[in-house]
Amino acid sequence: MVPDGRLTSARAESTEAEERRRRQQAYAGLHWKIQPQRSNEAALLHRGDCGTYPVQGGFIDREDALLALSMPEVEPCEVCRPETGLCQG
């Protein structure tokens, strides 16, 4: 049997981990990321929480995302459609 103190501590750690994950997910949803160019394909701009390019970190802000989309070698991801979030000023 697990003593109550350890059980309470384990629950608190689990709750903290879940809250940390939620904060990270919310942050990613408000930022963007660039998938580097591969061979003859354009680089892709994704929303920070896009599952097709699940890289953690390396996020860029709205201004940099707008700049990236203005470049001919960067295209928006057709799955997460990052340009829709950028248009909402």
PDB file of N, CA and C in Angstrom:
ATOM      1  N   MET A   1       0.846  -1.183   0.000  1.00  0.00           N
ATOM      2  CA  MET A   1       0.000   0.000   0.000  1.00  0.00           C
ATOM      3  C   MET A   1       0.892   1.248   0.000  1.00  0.00           C
ATOM      4  N   VAL A   2       0.512   2.259  -0.771  1.00  0.00           N
ATOM      5  CA  VAL A   2       1.281   3.493  -0.881  1.00  0.00           C
ATOM      6  C   VAL A   2       0.823   4.452   0.210  1.00  0.00           C
ATOM      7  N   PRO A   3       1.772   5.005   0.968  1.00  0.00           N
ATOM      8  CA  PRO A   3       1.390   5.990   1.992  1.00  0.00           C
ATOM      9  C   PRO A   3       0.702   7.188   1.343  1.00  0.00           C
ATOM     10  N   ASP A   4      -0.268   7.789   2.084  1.00  0.00           N
ATOM     11  CA  ASP A   4      -1.041   8.915   1.559  1.00  0.00           C
ATOM     12  C   ASP A   4      -0.165  10.057   1.074  1.00  0.00           C
ATOM     13  N   GLY A   5       0.915  10.348   1.759  1.00  0.00           N
ATOM     14  CA  GLY A   5       1.795  11.455   1.379  1.00  0.00           C
ATOM     15  C   GLY A   5       2.402  11.258   0.004  1.00  0.00           C
ATOM     16  N   ARG A   6       2.832  10.039  -0.287  1.00  0.00           N
ATOM     17  CA  ARG A   6       3.428   9.771  -1.603  1.00  0.00           C
ATOM     18  C   ARG A   6       2.368   9.797  -2.703  1.00  0.00           C
ATOM     19  N   LEU A   7       1.180   9.322  -2.397  1.00  0.00           N
ATOM     20  CA  LEU A   7       0.093   9.325  -3.365  1.00  0.00           C
ATOM     21  C   LEU A   7      -0.305  10.762  -3.694  1.00  0.00           C
ATOM     22  N   THR A   8      -0.425  11.595  -2.668  1.00  0.00           N
ATOM     23  CA  THR A   8      -0.764  13.000  -2.869  1.00  0.00           C
ATOM     24  C   THR A   8       0.320  13.688  -3.687  1.00  0.00           C
ATOM     25  N   SER A   9       1.587  13.398  -3.398  1.00  0.00           N
ATOM     26  CA  SER A   9       2.704  13.971  -4.137  1.00  0.00           C
ATOM     27  C   SER A   9       2.679  13.536  -5.599  1.00  0.00           C
ATOM     28  N   ALA A  10       2.387  12.292  -5.856  1.00  0.00           N
ATOM     29  CA  ALA A  10       2.317  11.779  -7.229  1.00  0.00           C
ATOM     30  C   ALA A  10       1.186  12.446  -8.001  1.00  0.00           C
ATOM     31  N   ARG A  11       0.050  12.645  -7.334  1.00  0.00           N
ATOM     32  CA  ARG A  11      -1.080  13.329  -7.985  1.00  0.00           C
ATOM     33  C   ARG A  11      -0.720  14.775  -8.307  1.00  0.00           C
ATOM     34  N   ALA A  12      -0.052  15.448  -7.384  1.00  0.00           N
ATOM     35  CA  ALA A  12       0.353  16.837  -7.604  1.00  0.00           C
ATOM     36  C   ALA A  12       1.318  16.930  -8.777  1.00  0.00           C
ATOM     37  N   GLU A  13       2.272  16.008  -8.848  1.00  0.00           N
ATOM     38  CA  GLU A  13       3.226  16.006  -9.962  1.00  0.00           C
ATOM     39  C   GLU A  13       2.516  15.748 -11.282  1.00  0.00           C
ATOM     40  N   SER A  14       1.562  14.847 -11.284  1.00  0.00           N
ATOM     41  CA  SER A  14       0.801  14.545 -12.491  1.00  0.00           C
ATOM     42  C   SER A  14      -0.013  15.764 -12.938  1.00  0.00           C
ATOM     43  N   THR A  15      -0.622  16.431 -11.979  1.00  0.00           N
ATOM     44  CA  THR A  15      -1.404  17.628 -12.282  1.00  0.00           C
ATOM     45  C   THR A  15      -0.505  18.735 -12.824  1.00  0.00           C
ATOM     46  N   GLU A  16       0.655  18.916 -12.228  1.00  0.00           N
ATOM     47  CA  GLU A  16       1.602  19.923 -12.704  1.00  0.00           C
ATOM     48  C   GLU A  16       2.079  19.608 -14.111  1.00  0.00           C
ATOM     49  N   ALA A  17       2.366  18.357 -14.394  1.00  0.00           N
ATOM     50  CA  ALA A  17       2.829  17.955 -15.722  1.00  0.00           C
ATOM     51  C   ALA A  17       1.743  18.213 -16.766  1.00  0.00           C
ATOM     52  N   GLU A  18       0.497  17.903 -16.422  1.00  0.00           N
ATOM     53  CA  GLU A  18      -0.617  18.140 -17.342  1.00  0.00           C
ATOM     54  C   GLU A  18      -0.797  19.633 -17.593  1.00  0.00           C
ATOM     55  N   GLU A  19      -0.693  20.445 -16.564  1.00  0.00           N
ATOM     56  CA  GLU A  19      -0.823  21.900 -16.709  1.00  0.00           C
ATOM     57  C   GLU A  19       0.316  22.453 -17.566  1.00  0.00           C
ATOM     58  N   ARG A  20       1.518  21.963 -17.371  1.00  0.00           N
ATOM     59  CA  ARG A  20       2.679  22.386 -18.164  1.00  0.00           C
ATOM     60  C   ARG A  20       2.466  22.037 -19.635  1.00  0.00           C
ATOM     61  N   ARG A  21       1.938  20.851 -19.898  1.00  0.00           N
ATOM     62  CA  ARG A  21       1.663  20.427 -21.274  1.00  0.00           C
ATOM     63  C   ARG A  21       0.606  21.327 -21.916  1.00  0.00           C
ATOM     64  N   ARG A  22      -0.432  21.676 -21.169  1.00  0.00           N
ATOM     65  CA  ARG A  22      -1.473  22.577 -21.686  1.00  0.00           C
ATOM     66  C   ARG A  22      -0.925  23.958 -22.012  1.00  0.00           C
ATOM     67  N   ARG A  23      -0.063  24.476 -21.135  1.00  0.00           N
ATOM     68  CA  ARG A  23       0.542  25.793 -21.386  1.00  0.00           C
ATOM     69  C   ARG A  23       1.420  25.761 -22.634  1.00  0.00           C
ATOM     70  N   GLN A  24       2.199  24.700 -22.787  1.00  0.00           N
ATOM     71  CA  GLN A  24       3.058  24.574 -23.967  1.00  0.00           C
ATOM     72  C   GLN A  24       2.228  24.471 -25.242  1.00  0.00           C
ATOM     73  N   GLN A  25       1.146  23.736 -25.195  1.00  0.00           N
ATOM     74  CA  GLN A  25       0.274  23.580 -26.351  1.00  0.00           C
ATOM     75  C   GLN A  25      -0.388  24.918 -26.706  1.00  0.00           C
ATOM     76  N   ALA A  26      -0.829  25.665 -25.710  1.00  0.00           N
ATOM     77  CA  ALA A  26      -1.444  26.967 -25.961  1.00  0.00           C
ATOM     78  C   ALA A  26      -0.425  27.933 -26.565  1.00  0.00           C
ATOM     79  N   TYR A  27       0.795  27.916 -26.062  1.00  0.00           N
ATOM     80  CA  TYR A  27       1.854  28.773 -26.591  1.00  0.00           C
ATOM     81  C   TYR A  27       2.118  28.425 -28.057  1.00  0.00           C
ATOM     82  N   ALA A  28       2.234  27.142 -28.346  1.00  0.00           N
ATOM     83  CA  ALA A  28       2.508  26.699 -29.716  1.00  0.00           C
ATOM     84  C   ALA A  28       1.386  27.125 -30.655  1.00  0.00           C
ATOM     85  N   GLY A  29       0.161  27.091 -30.192  1.00  0.00           N
ATOM     86  CA  GLY A  29      -0.973  27.470 -31.023  1.00  0.00           C
ATOM     87  C   GLY A  29      -0.977  28.927 -31.419  1.00  0.00           C
ATOM     88  N   LEU A  30      -0.223  29.748 -30.716  1.00  0.00           N
ATOM     89  CA  LEU A  30      -0.156  31.181 -31.006  1.00  0.00           C
ATOM     90  C   LEU A  30       1.124  31.573 -31.730  1.00  0.00           C
ATOM     91  N   HIS A  31       1.893  30.590 -32.152  1.00  0.00           N
ATOM     92  CA  HIS A  31       3.158  30.849 -32.842  1.00  0.00           C
ATOM     93  C   HIS A  31       3.241  29.993 -34.096  1.00  0.00           C
ATOM     94  N   TRP A  32       4.305  30.156 -34.831  1.00  0.00           N
ATOM     95  CA  TRP A  32       4.488  29.457 -36.094  1.00  0.00           C
ATOM     96  C   TRP A  32       5.870  28.821 -36.123  1.00  0.00           C
ATOM     97  N   LYS A  33       6.084  27.932 -37.112  1.00  0.00           N
ATOM     98  CA  LYS A  33       7.391  27.304 -37.291  1.00  0.00           C
ATOM     99  C   LYS A  33       7.601  27.042 -38.777  1.00  0.00           C
ATOM    100  N   ILE A  34       8.856  26.989 -39.163  1.00  0.00           N
ATOM    101  CA  ILE A  34       9.189  26.772 -40.572  1.00  0.00           C
ATOM    102  C   ILE A  34       9.851  25.415 -40.726  1.00  0.00           C
ATOM    103  N   GLN A  35       9.291  24.611 -41.616  1.00  0.00           N
ATOM    104  CA  GLN A  35       9.895  23.328 -41.976  1.00  0.00           C
ATOM    105  C   GLN A  35      10.885  23.623 -43.088  1.00  0.00           C
ATOM    106  N   PRO A  36      12.154  23.305 -42.882  1.00  0.00           N
ATOM    107  CA  PRO A  36      13.171  23.648 -43.881  1.00  0.00           C
ATOM    108  C   PRO A  36      12.882  23.055 -45.256  1.00  0.00           C
ATOM    109  N   GLN A  37      13.394  23.730 -46.243  1.00  0.00           N
ATOM    110  CA  GLN A  37      13.255  23.318 -47.629  1.00  0.00           C
ATOM    111  C   GLN A  37      13.950  21.975 -47.849  1.00  0.00           C
ATOM    112  N   ARG A  38      13.325  21.108 -48.635  1.00  0.00           N
ATOM    113  CA  ARG A  38      13.918  19.803 -48.966  1.00  0.00           C
ATOM    114  C   ARG A  38      14.011  19.669 -50.476  1.00  0.00           C
ATOM    115  N   SER A  39      15.147  19.295 -50.974  1.00  0.00           N
ATOM    116  CA  SER A  39      15.435  19.109 -52.408  1.00  0.00           C
ATOM    117  C   SER A  39      14.716  20.145 -53.272  1.00  0.00           C
ATOM    118  N   ASN A  40      13.747  19.746 -54.059  1.00  0.00           N
ATOM    119  CA  ASN A  40      13.067  20.680 -54.964  1.00  0.00           C
ATOM    120  C   ASN A  40      11.763  21.227 -54.408  1.00  0.00           C
ATOM    121  N   GLU A  41      11.521  21.022 -53.130  1.00  0.00           N
ATOM    122  CA  GLU A  41      10.280  21.494 -52.509  1.00  0.00           C
ATOM    123  C   GLU A  41      10.522  22.799 -51.760  1.00  0.00           C
ATOM    124  N   ALA A  42       9.477  23.578 -51.636  1.00  0.00           N
ATOM    125  CA  ALA A  42       9.570  24.833 -50.885  1.00  0.00           C
ATOM    126  C   ALA A  42       9.600  24.545 -49.383  1.00  0.00           C
ATOM    127  N   ALA A  43      10.138  25.481 -48.634  1.00  0.00           N
ATOM    128  CA  ALA A  43      10.026  25.408 -47.178  1.00  0.00           C
ATOM    129  C   ALA A  43       8.549  25.630 -46.844  1.00  0.00           C
ATOM    130  N   LEU A  44       8.095  25.072 -45.723  1.00  0.00           N
ATOM    131  CA  LEU A  44       6.684  25.210 -45.354  1.00  0.00           C
ATOM    132  C   LEU A  44       6.529  25.948 -44.038  1.00  0.00           C
ATOM    133  N   LEU A  45       5.591  26.868 -44.015  1.00  0.00           N
ATOM    134  CA  LEU A  45       5.232  27.557 -42.776  1.00  0.00           C
ATOM    135  C   LEU A  45       4.076  26.803 -42.153  1.00  0.00           C
ATOM    136  N   HIS A  46       4.207  26.478 -40.864  1.00  0.00           N
ATOM    137  CA  HIS A  46       3.176  25.755 -40.125  1.00  0.00           C
ATOM    138  C   HIS A  46       2.738  26.574 -38.911  1.00  0.00           C
ATOM    139  N   ARG A  47       1.530  26.299 -38.430  1.00  0.00           N
ATOM    140  CA  ARG A  47       1.147  26.785 -37.107  1.00  0.00           C
ATOM    141  C   ARG A  47       2.023  26.030 -36.111  1.00  0.00           C
ATOM    142  N   GLY A  48       2.269  26.624 -34.978  1.00  0.00           N
ATOM    143  CA  GLY A  48       3.132  25.998 -33.984  1.00  0.00           C
ATOM    144  C   GLY A  48       2.639  24.657 -33.492  1.00  0.00           C
ATOM    145  N   ASP A  49       1.334  24.428 -33.559  1.00  0.00           N
ATOM    146  CA  ASP A  49       0.776  23.160 -33.070  1.00  0.00           C
ATOM    147  C   ASP A  49       0.401  22.193 -34.191  1.00  0.00           C
ATOM    148  N   CYS A  50       0.914  22.419 -35.401  1.00  0.00           N
ATOM    149  CA  CYS A  50       0.605  21.547 -36.535  1.00  0.00           C
ATOM    150  C   CYS A  50       1.216  20.163 -36.321  1.00  0.00           C
ATOM    151  N   GLY A  51       0.395  19.142 -36.467  1.00  0.00           N
ATOM    152  CA  GLY A  51       0.856  17.778 -36.264  1.00  0.00           C
ATOM    153  C   GLY A  51       1.660  17.208 -37.421  1.00  0.00           C
ATOM    154  N   THR A  52       1.630  17.856 -38.585  1.00  0.00           N
ATOM    155  CA  THR A  52       2.393  17.322 -39.718  1.00  0.00           C
ATOM    156  C   THR A  52       3.870  17.655 -39.619  1.00  0.00           C
ATOM    157  N   TYR A  53       4.227  18.597 -38.764  1.00  0.00           N
ATOM    158  CA  TYR A  53       5.631  18.931 -38.504  1.00  0.00           C
ATOM    159  C   TYR A  53       5.777  19.114 -36.993  1.00  0.00           C
ATOM    160  N   PRO A  54       5.817  17.990 -36.259  1.00  0.00           N
ATOM    161  CA  PRO A  54       5.766  18.025 -34.792  1.00  0.00           C
ATOM    162  C   PRO A  54       7.100  18.302 -34.101  1.00  0.00           C
ATOM    163  N   VAL A  55       7.781  19.353 -34.519  1.00  0.00           N
ATOM    164  CA  VAL A  55       9.045  19.720 -33.881  1.00  0.00           C
ATOM    165  C   VAL A  55       8.743  20.645 -32.706  1.00  0.00           C
ATOM    166  N   GLN A  56       9.310  20.350 -31.563  1.00  0.00           N
ATOM    167  CA  GLN A  56       9.114  21.201 -30.385  1.00  0.00           C
ATOM    168  C   GLN A  56      10.121  22.338 -30.408  1.00  0.00           C
ATOM    169  N   GLY A  57       9.671  23.523 -30.084  1.00  0.00           N
ATOM    170  CA  GLY A  57      10.575  24.675 -30.022  1.00  0.00           C
ATOM    171  C   GLY A  57      10.848  25.246 -31.401  1.00  0.00           C
ATOM    172  N   GLY A  58      11.672  26.270 -31.429  1.00  0.00           N
ATOM    173  CA  GLY A  58      12.010  26.909 -32.684  1.00  0.00           C
ATOM    174  C   GLY A  58      10.871  27.727 -33.267  1.00  0.00           C
ATOM    175  N   PHE A  59       9.999  28.232 -32.415  1.00  0.00           N
ATOM    176  CA  PHE A  59       8.850  28.988 -32.885  1.00  0.00           C
ATOM    177  C   PHE A  59       9.247  30.389 -33.321  1.00  0.00           C
ATOM    178  N   ILE A  60       8.468  30.935 -34.255  1.00  0.00           N
ATOM    179  CA  ILE A  60       8.653  32.318 -34.681  1.00  0.00           C
ATOM    180  C   ILE A  60       7.371  33.081 -34.378  1.00  0.00           C
ATOM    181  N   ASP A  61       7.492  34.398 -34.283  1.00  0.00           N
ATOM    182  CA  ASP A  61       6.316  35.203 -33.965  1.00  0.00           C
ATOM    183  C   ASP A  61       5.563  35.596 -35.241  1.00  0.00           C
ATOM    184  N   ARG A  62       4.485  36.314 -35.071  1.00  0.00           N
ATOM    185  CA  ARG A  62       3.601  36.694 -36.174  1.00  0.00           C
ATOM    186  C   ARG A  62       4.332  37.508 -37.234  1.00  0.00           C
ATOM    187  N   GLU A  63       5.119  38.463 -36.809  1.00  0.00           N
ATOM    188  CA  GLU A  63       5.845  39.323 -37.752  1.00  0.00           C
ATOM    189  C   GLU A  63       6.784  38.500 -38.638  1.00  0.00           C
ATOM    190  N   ASP A  64       7.524  37.581 -38.028  1.00  0.00           N
ATOM    191  CA  ASP A  64       8.439  36.736 -38.797  1.00  0.00           C
ATOM    192  C   ASP A  64       7.684  35.766 -39.703  1.00  0.00           C
ATOM    193  N   ALA A  65       6.530  35.290 -39.253  1.00  0.00           N
ATOM    194  CA  ALA A  65       5.721  34.396 -40.079  1.00  0.00           C
ATOM    195  C   ALA A  65       5.184  35.131 -41.309  1.00  0.00           C
ATOM    196  N   LEU A  66       4.748  36.368 -41.119  1.00  0.00           N
ATOM    197  CA  LEU A  66       4.287  37.172 -42.255  1.00  0.00           C
ATOM    198  C   LEU A  66       5.428  37.410 -43.239  1.00  0.00           C
ATOM    199  N   LEU A  67       6.599  37.709 -42.725  1.00  0.00           N
ATOM    200  CA  LEU A  67       7.773  37.914 -43.569  1.00  0.00           C
ATOM    201  C   LEU A  67       8.094  36.630 -44.346  1.00  0.00           C
ATOM    202  N   ALA A  68       8.046  35.490 -43.666  1.00  0.00           N
ATOM    203  CA  ALA A  68       8.340  34.210 -44.320  1.00  0.00           C
ATOM    204  C   ALA A  68       7.363  33.954 -45.471  1.00  0.00           C
ATOM    205  N   LEU A  69       6.085  34.230 -45.258  1.00  0.00           N
ATOM    206  CA  LEU A  69       5.097  33.991 -46.312  1.00  0.00           C
ATOM    207  C   LEU A  69       5.282  34.917 -47.507  1.00  0.00           C
ATOM    208  N   SER A  70       5.935  36.031 -47.309  1.00  0.00           N
ATOM    209  CA  SER A  70       6.177  36.950 -48.426  1.00  0.00           C
ATOM    210  C   SER A  70       7.344  36.489 -49.288  1.00  0.00           C
ATOM    211  N   MET A  71       8.073  35.480 -48.835  1.00  0.00           N
ATOM    212  CA  MET A  71       9.222  34.967 -49.575  1.00  0.00           C
ATOM    213  C   MET A  71       8.754  33.884 -50.558  1.00  0.00           C
ATOM    214  N   PRO A  72       9.259  33.920 -51.784  1.00  0.00           N
ATOM    215  CA  PRO A  72       8.803  32.942 -52.783  1.00  0.00           C
ATOM    216  C   PRO A  72       9.185  31.494 -52.459  1.00  0.00           C
ATOM    217  N   GLU A  73      10.192  31.291 -51.644  1.00  0.00           N
ATOM    218  CA  GLU A  73      10.625  29.924 -51.330  1.00  0.00           C
ATOM    219  C   GLU A  73       9.921  29.326 -50.120  1.00  0.00           C
ATOM    220  N   VAL A  74       8.930  30.035 -49.553  1.00  0.00           N
ATOM    221  CA  VAL A  74       8.168  29.532 -48.404  1.00  0.00           C
ATOM    222  C   VAL A  74       6.692  29.491 -48.777  1.00  0.00           C
ATOM    223  N   GLU A  75       6.078  28.335 -48.538  1.00  0.00           N
ATOM    224  CA  GLU A  75       4.649  28.156 -48.805  1.00  0.00           C
ATOM    225  C   GLU A  75       3.938  27.784 -47.512  1.00  0.00           C
ATOM    226  N   PRO A  76       2.650  28.108 -47.401  1.00  0.00           N
ATOM    227  CA  PRO A  76       1.905  27.696 -46.204  1.00  0.00           C
ATOM    228  C   PRO A  76       1.561  26.210 -46.254  1.00  0.00           C
ATOM    229  N   CYS A  77       1.541  25.577 -45.113  1.00  0.00           N
ATOM    230  CA  CYS A  77       1.119  24.184 -44.997  1.00  0.00           C
ATOM    231  C   CYS A  77      -0.352  24.098 -45.405  1.00  0.00           C
ATOM    232  N   GLU A  78      -0.678  23.118 -46.239  1.00  0.00           N
ATOM    233  CA  GLU A  78      -2.061  22.963 -46.689  1.00  0.00           C
ATOM    234  C   GLU A  78      -2.949  22.290 -45.647  1.00  0.00           C
ATOM    235  N   VAL A  79      -2.339  21.731 -44.600  1.00  0.00           N
ATOM    236  CA  VAL A  79      -3.107  21.059 -43.551  1.00  0.00           C
ATOM    237  C   VAL A  79      -3.536  22.062 -42.472  1.00  0.00           C
ATOM    238  N   CYS A  80      -2.571  22.783 -41.900  1.00  0.00           N
ATOM    239  CA  CYS A  80      -2.906  23.687 -40.779  1.00  0.00           C
ATOM    240  C   CYS A  80      -3.250  25.105 -41.231  1.00  0.00           C
ATOM    241  N   ARG A  81      -2.968  25.438 -42.480  1.00  0.00           N
ATOM    242  CA  ARG A  81      -3.301  26.741 -43.072  1.00  0.00           C
ATOM    243  C   ARG A  81      -2.913  27.917 -42.162  1.00  0.00           C
ATOM    244  N   PRO A  82      -1.627  28.118 -41.953  1.00  0.00           N
ATOM    245  CA  PRO A  82      -1.168  29.147 -41.026  1.00  0.00           C
ATOM    246  C   PRO A  82      -1.530  30.565 -41.426  1.00  0.00           C
ATOM    247  N   GLU A  83      -1.773  30.793 -42.700  1.00  0.00           N
ATOM    248  CA  GLU A  83      -2.098  32.151 -43.146  1.00  0.00           C
ATOM    249  C   GLU A  83      -3.424  32.636 -42.580  1.00  0.00           C
ATOM    250  N   THR A  84      -4.329  31.724 -42.241  1.00  0.00           N
ATOM    251  CA  THR A  84      -5.617  32.155 -41.677  1.00  0.00           C
ATOM    252  C   THR A  84      -5.429  32.802 -40.310  1.00  0.00           C
ATOM    253  N   GLY A  85      -4.519  32.284 -39.497  1.00  0.00           N
ATOM    254  CA  GLY A  85      -4.239  32.881 -38.204  1.00  0.00           C
ATOM    255  C   GLY A  85      -3.481  34.191 -38.313  1.00  0.00           C
ATOM    256  N   LEU A  86      -2.727  34.342 -39.378  1.00  0.00           N
ATOM    257  CA  LEU A  86      -1.958  35.563 -39.569  1.00  0.00           C
ATOM    258  C   LEU A  86      -2.825  36.723 -40.019  1.00  0.00           C
ATOM    259  N   CYS A  87      -3.920  36.437 -40.683  1.00  0.00           N
ATOM    260  CA  CYS A  87      -4.800  37.488 -41.200  1.00  0.00           C
ATOM    261  C   CYS A  87      -5.628  38.144 -40.095  1.00  0.00           C
ATOM    262  N   GLN A  88      -5.627  37.556 -38.907  1.00  0.00           N
ATOM    263  CA  GLN A  88      -6.476  38.049 -37.828  1.00  0.00           C
ATOM    264  C   GLN A  88      -5.830  39.147 -37.005  1.00  0.00           C
ATOM    265  N   GLY A  89      -4.831  39.825 -37.541  1.00  0.00           N
ATOM    266  CA  GLY A  89      -4.155  40.962 -36.939  1.00  0.00           C
ATOM    267  C   GLY A  89      -4.243  41.041 -35.500  1.00  0.00           C
TER     268      GLY A  89
END
